[in-house]
Amino acid sequence: MADSLDTIGVTAWLRDLSIYLDAEHRGCEALDAARAALAGVPGPVAPREAPRTSDTVEAWLDDALHRAAAADAALAPLAAGFARLVPALRWYRRPTDEPDPAFEQGHANAIVIGGAGLATLGTMIVGVSLLAPGIAYPVHRHPPDEVYVVMSDGQWWRDGTAWWTPGPGALVHNRGGEWHAMRAAATPLFAVWFLTGAGR
């Protein structure tokens, strides 16, 4: 299993992610659990679910990764490494309470670590979200804390705050149970996120 993780690029991407967090966000307490998990050895997911892409990924992911690398040189290895993972990922859509064709066709999520992902690291889940231009991710909340690494431009909201634009390379920390949302403006929004404990 270790060989297959190396082959599809998971081990290298996790290493680059750990290096990035240590270099760019050292001392951020919100990342303590993620750092501790990243220090471990990724384990197998069995059986691994078959890869699945989406129209949103085909249309917008390359653009988002290019923008991330161009906006912040420190993000370039993460963007390049993630591109190598894409063929192995199983992309999915978030269910909605009411039909929302624009959102359904304009977003995609994938789990990299944990759940239906490519490997496990304790109880941590590492995933990604992609929004096409003009698409908003609905207001939602969940029990575990969540930390986003913002990879490309977009707007973010949290209960008690106005919408803001953190910019590529910034962190967004939402505490467990806190209502939050995000939306893409004129360009695609792409972010890596960490959950510890219960799943998304």
C-alpha atoms as a PDB file:
ATOM      1  CA  MET A   1       0.000   0.000   0.000  1.00  0.00           C
ATOM      2  CA  ALA A   2       2.868   2.361   0.749  1.00  0.00           C
ATOM      3  CA  ASP A   3       4.136   1.874  -2.800  1.00  0.00           C
ATOM      4  CA  SER A   4       0.744   2.751  -4.274  1.00  0.00           C
ATOM      5  CA  LEU A   5       0.478   5.870  -2.101  1.00  0.00           C
ATOM      6  CA  ASP A   6       3.894   6.921  -3.341  1.00  0.00           C
ATOM      7  CA  THR A   7       2.926   6.146  -6.927  1.00  0.00           C
ATOM      8  CA  ILE A   8      -0.193   8.308  -6.950  1.00  0.00           C
ATOM      9  CA  GLY A   9       1.603  11.115  -5.120  1.00  0.00           C
ATOM     10  CA  VAL A  10      -0.127  11.091  -1.724  1.00  0.00           C
ATOM     11  CA  THR A  11       3.040  10.767   0.347  1.00  0.00           C
ATOM     12  CA  ALA A  12       4.787  13.593  -1.494  1.00  0.00           C
ATOM     13  CA  TRP A  13       1.766  15.890  -1.297  1.00  0.00           C
ATOM     14  CA  LEU A  14       1.374  15.338   2.442  1.00  0.00           C
ATOM     15  CA  ARG A  15       5.066  16.102   2.900  1.00  0.00           C
ATOM     16  CA  ASP A  16       4.723  19.320   0.889  1.00  0.00           C
ATOM     17  CA  LEU A  17       1.621  20.235   2.885  1.00  0.00           C
ATOM     18  CA  SER A  18       3.465  19.746   6.178  1.00  0.00           C
ATOM     19  CA  ILE A  19       6.434  21.792   4.947  1.00  0.00           C
ATOM     20  CA  TYR A  20       4.102  24.574   3.793  1.00  0.00           C
ATOM     21  CA  LEU A  21       2.239  24.775   7.101  1.00  0.00           C
ATOM     22  CA  ASP A  22       5.488  24.846   9.087  1.00  0.00           C
ATOM     23  CA  ALA A  23       7.024  27.519   6.863  1.00  0.00           C
ATOM     24  CA  GLU A  24       4.040  29.804   6.347  1.00  0.00           C
ATOM     25  CA  HIS A  25       1.832  29.276   9.407  1.00  0.00           C
ATOM     26  CA  ARG A  26       4.116  28.238  12.228  1.00  0.00           C
ATOM     27  CA  GLY A  27       2.584  28.943  15.622  1.00  0.00           C
ATOM     28  CA  CYS A  28      -1.041  28.800  14.453  1.00  0.00           C
ATOM     29  CA  GLU A  29      -2.762  26.855  17.238  1.00  0.00           C
ATOM     30  CA  ALA A  30      -5.717  26.011  15.004  1.00  0.00           C
ATOM     31  CA  LEU A  31      -3.361  23.771  13.026  1.00  0.00           C
ATOM     32  CA  ASP A  32      -1.939  21.857  15.996  1.00  0.00           C
ATOM     33  CA  ALA A  33      -4.119  18.791  15.416  1.00  0.00           C
ATOM     34  CA  ALA A  34      -3.392  18.806  11.694  1.00  0.00           C
ATOM     35  CA  ARG A  35       0.354  19.073  12.279  1.00  0.00           C
ATOM     36  CA  ALA A  36       0.267  16.191  14.746  1.00  0.00           C
ATOM     37  CA  ALA A  37      -1.605  14.008  12.266  1.00  0.00           C
ATOM     38  CA  LEU A  38       0.675  14.952   9.375  1.00  0.00           C
ATOM     39  CA  ALA A  39       3.642  13.760  11.425  1.00  0.00           C
ATOM     40  CA  GLY A  40       2.224  10.228  11.229  1.00  0.00           C
ATOM     41  CA  VAL A  41       2.494   7.609   8.514  1.00  0.00           C
ATOM     42  CA  PRO A  42      -0.492   7.423   6.149  1.00  0.00           C
ATOM     43  CA  GLY A  43      -2.355   4.144   6.266  1.00  0.00           C
ATOM     44  CA  PRO A  44      -4.483   2.253   3.772  1.00  0.00           C
ATOM     45  CA  VAL A  45      -8.104   2.780   2.821  1.00  0.00           C
ATOM     46  CA  ALA A  46      -9.692  -0.533   1.915  1.00  0.00           C
ATOM     47  CA  PRO A  47     -11.441  -0.912  -0.322  1.00  0.00           C
ATOM     48  CA  ARG A  48     -10.539   2.339  -2.067  1.00  0.00           C
ATOM     49  CA  GLU A  49     -13.457   3.762  -4.007  1.00  0.00           C
ATOM     50  CA  ALA A  50     -13.141   4.151  -7.762  1.00  0.00           C
ATOM     51  CA  PRO A  51     -12.079   7.604  -9.002  1.00  0.00           C
ATOM     52  CA  ARG A  52     -14.795   9.901 -10.327  1.00  0.00           C
ATOM     53  CA  THR A  53     -14.406  13.325 -11.904  1.00  0.00           C
ATOM     54  CA  SER A  54     -16.984  16.060 -12.553  1.00  0.00           C
ATOM     55  CA  ASP A  55     -17.722  18.719 -15.142  1.00  0.00           C
ATOM     56  CA  THR A  56     -16.744  21.393 -12.615  1.00  0.00           C
ATOM     57  CA  VAL A  57     -13.329  19.810 -12.131  1.00  0.00           C
ATOM     58  CA  GLU A  58     -12.775  19.458 -15.863  1.00  0.00           C
ATOM     59  CA  ALA A  59     -13.774  23.070 -16.483  1.00  0.00           C
ATOM     60  CA  TRP A  60     -12.166  24.949 -13.583  1.00  0.00           C
ATOM     61  CA  LEU A  61      -9.575  23.032 -11.570  1.00  0.00           C
ATOM     62  CA  ASP A  62      -6.585  23.681 -13.832  1.00  0.00           C
ATOM     63  CA  ASP A  63      -7.394  27.396 -13.845  1.00  0.00           C
ATOM     64  CA  ALA A  64      -7.689  27.472 -10.044  1.00  0.00           C
ATOM     65  CA  LEU A  65      -4.393  25.618  -9.533  1.00  0.00           C
ATOM     66  CA  HIS A  66      -2.620  27.915 -11.984  1.00  0.00           C
ATOM     67  CA  ARG A  67      -3.943  30.968 -10.152  1.00  0.00           C
ATOM     68  CA  ALA A  68      -2.816  29.541  -6.809  1.00  0.00           C
ATOM     69  CA  ALA A  69       0.736  28.952  -8.026  1.00  0.00           C
ATOM     70  CA  ALA A  70       0.899  32.377  -9.681  1.00  0.00           C
ATOM     71  CA  ALA A  71      -0.448  34.222  -6.636  1.00  0.00           C
ATOM     72  CA  ASP A  72       1.929  32.761  -4.033  1.00  0.00           C
ATOM     73  CA  ALA A  73       5.155  30.898  -4.819  1.00  0.00           C
ATOM     74  CA  ALA A  74       4.820  28.982  -1.551  1.00  0.00           C
ATOM     75  CA  LEU A  75       1.591  27.427  -2.867  1.00  0.00           C
ATOM     76  CA  ALA A  76       3.149  26.253  -6.139  1.00  0.00           C
ATOM     77  CA  PRO A  77       4.379  22.854  -4.819  1.00  0.00           C
ATOM     78  CA  LEU A  78       0.981  22.177  -3.236  1.00  0.00           C
ATOM     79  CA  ALA A  79      -0.822  23.035  -6.459  1.00  0.00           C
ATOM     80  CA  ALA A  80       1.503  20.916  -8.597  1.00  0.00           C
ATOM     81  CA  GLY A  81       1.363  18.001  -6.183  1.00  0.00           C
ATOM     82  CA  PHE A  82      -2.407  18.140  -6.006  1.00  0.00           C
ATOM     83  CA  ALA A  83      -2.651  18.053  -9.797  1.00  0.00           C
ATOM     84  CA  ARG A  84      -0.901  14.668  -9.692  1.00  0.00           C
ATOM     85  CA  LEU A  85      -3.537  13.338  -7.265  1.00  0.00           C
ATOM     86  CA  VAL A  86      -6.539  14.349  -9.353  1.00  0.00           C
ATOM     87  CA  PRO A  87      -6.848  11.168 -11.481  1.00  0.00           C
ATOM     88  CA  ALA A  88      -7.142   9.052  -8.301  1.00  0.00           C
ATOM     89  CA  LEU A  89      -9.749  11.187  -6.500  1.00  0.00           C
ATOM     90  CA  ARG A  90     -13.463  10.562  -6.188  1.00  0.00           C
ATOM     91  CA  TRP A  91     -15.211  13.932  -6.543  1.00  0.00           C
ATOM     92  CA  TYR A  92     -18.675  14.447  -5.100  1.00  0.00           C
ATOM     93  CA  ARG A  93     -21.379  17.091  -4.695  1.00  0.00           C
ATOM     94  CA  ARG A  94     -22.729  18.318  -1.391  1.00  0.00           C
ATOM     95  CA  PRO A  95     -26.427  17.424  -0.985  1.00  0.00           C
ATOM     96  CA  THR A  96     -28.821  20.373  -0.732  1.00  0.00           C
ATOM     97  CA  ASP A  97     -32.122  20.691   1.121  1.00  0.00           C
ATOM     98  CA  GLU A  98     -33.732  22.349  -1.887  1.00  0.00           C
ATOM     99  CA  PRO A  99     -32.921  21.910  -5.603  1.00  0.00           C
ATOM    100  CA  ASP A 100     -30.180  24.335  -6.658  1.00  0.00           C
ATOM    101  CA  PRO A 101     -29.037  23.491 -10.201  1.00  0.00           C
ATOM    102  CA  ALA A 102     -26.396  26.241 -10.321  1.00  0.00           C
ATOM    103  CA  PHE A 103     -24.729  25.029  -7.127  1.00  0.00           C
ATOM    104  CA  GLU A 104     -25.067  21.362  -8.077  1.00  0.00           C
ATOM    105  CA  GLN A 105     -23.363  21.966 -11.422  1.00  0.00           C
ATOM    106  CA  GLY A 106     -20.873  24.539 -10.133  1.00  0.00           C
ATOM    107  CA  HIS A 107     -19.068  22.878  -7.247  1.00  0.00           C
ATOM    108  CA  ALA A 108     -17.080  19.754  -6.444  1.00  0.00           C
ATOM    109  CA  ASN A 109     -15.523  18.314  -3.291  1.00  0.00           C
ATOM    110  CA  ALA A 110     -13.057  15.482  -2.799  1.00  0.00           C
ATOM    111  CA  ILE A 111     -11.585  13.699   0.205  1.00  0.00           C
ATOM    112  CA  VAL A 112      -7.827  13.132   0.072  1.00  0.00           C
ATOM    113  CA  ILE A 113      -7.254  11.741   3.575  1.00  0.00           C
ATOM    114  CA  GLY A 114      -9.866   9.836   5.592  1.00  0.00           C
ATOM    115  CA  GLY A 115     -13.332   8.581   4.726  1.00  0.00           C
ATOM    116  CA  ALA A 116     -13.548   7.861   1.008  1.00  0.00           C
ATOM    117  CA  GLY A 117     -10.093   9.331   0.427  1.00  0.00           C
ATOM    118  CA  LEU A 118      -6.784   7.879  -0.693  1.00  0.00           C
ATOM    119  CA  ALA A 119      -5.272   7.185   2.747  1.00  0.00           C
ATOM    120  CA  THR A 120      -5.869   7.592   6.485  1.00  0.00           C
ATOM    121  CA  LEU A 121      -4.087   9.654   9.143  1.00  0.00           C
ATOM    122  CA  GLY A 122      -5.779   8.902  12.449  1.00  0.00           C
ATOM    123  CA  THR A 123      -9.136  10.661  12.648  1.00  0.00           C
ATOM    124  CA  MET A 124      -8.155  13.642  10.505  1.00  0.00           C
ATOM    125  CA  ILE A 125      -9.951  14.338   7.252  1.00  0.00           C
ATOM    126  CA  VAL A 126      -8.241  16.393   4.555  1.00  0.00           C
ATOM    127  CA  GLY A 127     -10.387  17.456   1.650  1.00  0.00           C
ATOM    128  CA  VAL A 128     -10.702  20.072  -1.056  1.00  0.00           C
ATOM    129  CA  SER A 129     -13.505  22.228  -2.398  1.00  0.00           C
ATOM    130  CA  LEU A 130     -13.788  23.838  -5.824  1.00  0.00           C
ATOM    131  CA  LEU A 131     -16.353  26.476  -6.786  1.00  0.00           C
ATOM    132  CA  ALA A 132     -16.914  27.758 -10.297  1.00  0.00           C
ATOM    133  CA  PRO A 133     -17.038  31.552 -10.752  1.00  0.00           C
ATOM    134  CA  GLY A 134     -20.139  33.101  -9.222  1.00  0.00           C
ATOM    135  CA  ILE A 135     -21.061  30.026  -7.174  1.00  0.00           C
ATOM    136  CA  ALA A 136     -21.727  30.226  -3.420  1.00  0.00           C
ATOM    137  CA  TYR A 137     -21.281  27.304  -1.021  1.00  0.00           C
ATOM    138  CA  PRO A 138     -24.359  27.271   1.250  1.00  0.00           C
ATOM    139  CA  VAL A 139     -24.215  28.367   4.866  1.00  0.00           C
ATOM    140  CA  HIS A 140     -23.498  25.278   6.943  1.00  0.00           C
ATOM    141  CA  ARG A 141     -21.891  24.042  10.153  1.00  0.00           C
ATOM    142  CA  HIS A 142     -20.497  20.810  11.610  1.00  0.00           C
ATOM    143  CA  PRO A 143     -19.201  19.634  14.995  1.00  0.00           C
ATOM    144  CA  PRO A 144     -15.434  19.561  14.390  1.00  0.00           C
ATOM    145  CA  ASP A 145     -13.246  22.605  13.916  1.00  0.00           C
ATOM    146  CA  GLU A 146     -12.296  23.242  10.307  1.00  0.00           C
ATOM    147  CA  VAL A 147      -9.272  25.034   8.919  1.00  0.00           C
ATOM    148  CA  TYR A 148      -9.080  26.041   5.268  1.00  0.00           C
ATOM    149  CA  VAL A 149      -5.879  26.782   3.384  1.00  0.00           C
ATOM    150  CA  VAL A 150      -7.098  29.281   0.795  1.00  0.00           C
ATOM    151  CA  MET A 151      -5.502  28.402  -2.540  1.00  0.00           C
ATOM    152  CA  SER A 152      -7.189  30.932  -4.833  1.00  0.00           C
ATOM    153  CA  ASP A 153      -9.201  34.118  -4.508  1.00  0.00           C
ATOM    154  CA  GLY A 154     -12.685  33.941  -3.079  1.00  0.00           C
ATOM    155  CA  GLN A 155     -14.908  35.386  -0.381  1.00  0.00           C
ATOM    156  CA  TRP A 156     -15.663  33.907   3.031  1.00  0.00           C
ATOM    157  CA  TRP A 157     -18.310  34.449   5.671  1.00  0.00           C
ATOM    158  CA  ARG A 158     -18.695  33.393   9.281  1.00  0.00           C
ATOM    159  CA  ASP A 159     -21.502  34.087  11.749  1.00  0.00           C
ATOM    160  CA  GLY A 160     -20.880  37.493  13.269  1.00  0.00           C
ATOM    161  CA  THR A 161     -18.649  38.760  10.453  1.00  0.00           C
ATOM    162  CA  ALA A 162     -19.147  40.379   7.077  1.00  0.00           C
ATOM    163  CA  TRP A 163     -17.925  38.721   3.879  1.00  0.00           C
ATOM    164  CA  TRP A 164     -14.153  39.077   3.496  1.00  0.00           C
ATOM    165  CA  THR A 165     -11.446  38.097   1.012  1.00  0.00           C
ATOM    166  CA  PRO A 166      -8.526  36.404   2.805  1.00  0.00           C
ATOM    167  CA  GLY A 167      -6.447  35.884  -0.355  1.00  0.00           C
ATOM    168  CA  PRO A 168      -4.324  32.946  -1.533  1.00  0.00           C
ATOM    169  CA  GLY A 169      -2.159  31.460   1.208  1.00  0.00           C
ATOM    170  CA  ALA A 170      -4.353  32.666   4.061  1.00  0.00           C
ATOM    171  CA  LEU A 171      -5.994  30.435   6.648  1.00  0.00           C
ATOM    172  CA  VAL A 172      -9.685  30.468   7.548  1.00  0.00           C
ATOM    173  CA  HIS A 173     -10.554  28.818  10.876  1.00  0.00           C
ATOM    174  CA  ASN A 174     -14.170  27.965  11.673  1.00  0.00           C
ATOM    175  CA  ARG A 175     -14.823  26.570  15.132  1.00  0.00           C
ATOM    176  CA  GLY A 176     -17.063  23.556  15.576  1.00  0.00           C
ATOM    177  CA  GLY A 177     -20.749  24.448  15.329  1.00  0.00           C
ATOM    178  CA  GLU A 178     -20.047  27.872  13.795  1.00  0.00           C
ATOM    179  CA  TRP A 179     -22.148  28.836  10.762  1.00  0.00           C
ATOM    180  CA  HIS A 180     -19.966  29.645   7.756  1.00  0.00           C
ATOM    181  CA  ALA A 181     -19.952  29.852   3.969  1.00  0.00           C
ATOM    182  CA  MET A 182     -17.777  30.775   1.004  1.00  0.00           C
ATOM    183  CA  ARG A 183     -18.304  31.984  -2.541  1.00  0.00           C
ATOM    184  CA  ALA A 184     -16.355  32.461  -5.730  1.00  0.00           C
ATOM    185  CA  ALA A 185     -16.282  35.849  -7.408  1.00  0.00           C
ATOM    186  CA  ALA A 186     -15.128  36.235 -11.030  1.00  0.00           C
ATOM    187  CA  THR A 187     -12.596  33.392 -10.789  1.00  0.00           C
ATOM    188  CA  PRO A 188     -12.801  29.841  -9.407  1.00  0.00           C
ATOM    189  CA  LEU A 189     -12.327  29.310  -5.684  1.00  0.00           C
ATOM    190  CA  PHE A 190     -10.194  26.377  -4.537  1.00  0.00           C
ATOM    191  CA  ALA A 191      -9.325  25.487  -0.955  1.00  0.00           C
ATOM    192  CA  VAL A 192      -7.817  22.642   1.053  1.00  0.00           C
ATOM    193  CA  TRP A 193      -9.539  21.929   4.368  1.00  0.00           C
ATOM    194  CA  PHE A 194      -8.828  19.961   7.533  1.00  0.00           C
ATOM    195  CA  LEU A 195     -11.360  18.366   9.873  1.00  0.00           C
ATOM    196  CA  THR A 196     -10.399  16.469  13.000  1.00  0.00           C
ATOM    197  CA  GLY A 197     -12.757  14.068  14.724  1.00  0.00           C
ATOM    198  CA  ALA A 198     -16.175  13.452  13.198  1.00  0.00           C
ATOM    199  CA  GLY A 199     -16.611  13.521   9.438  1.00  0.00           C
ATOM    200  CA  ARG A 200     -17.996  16.283   7.268  1.00  0.00           C
END
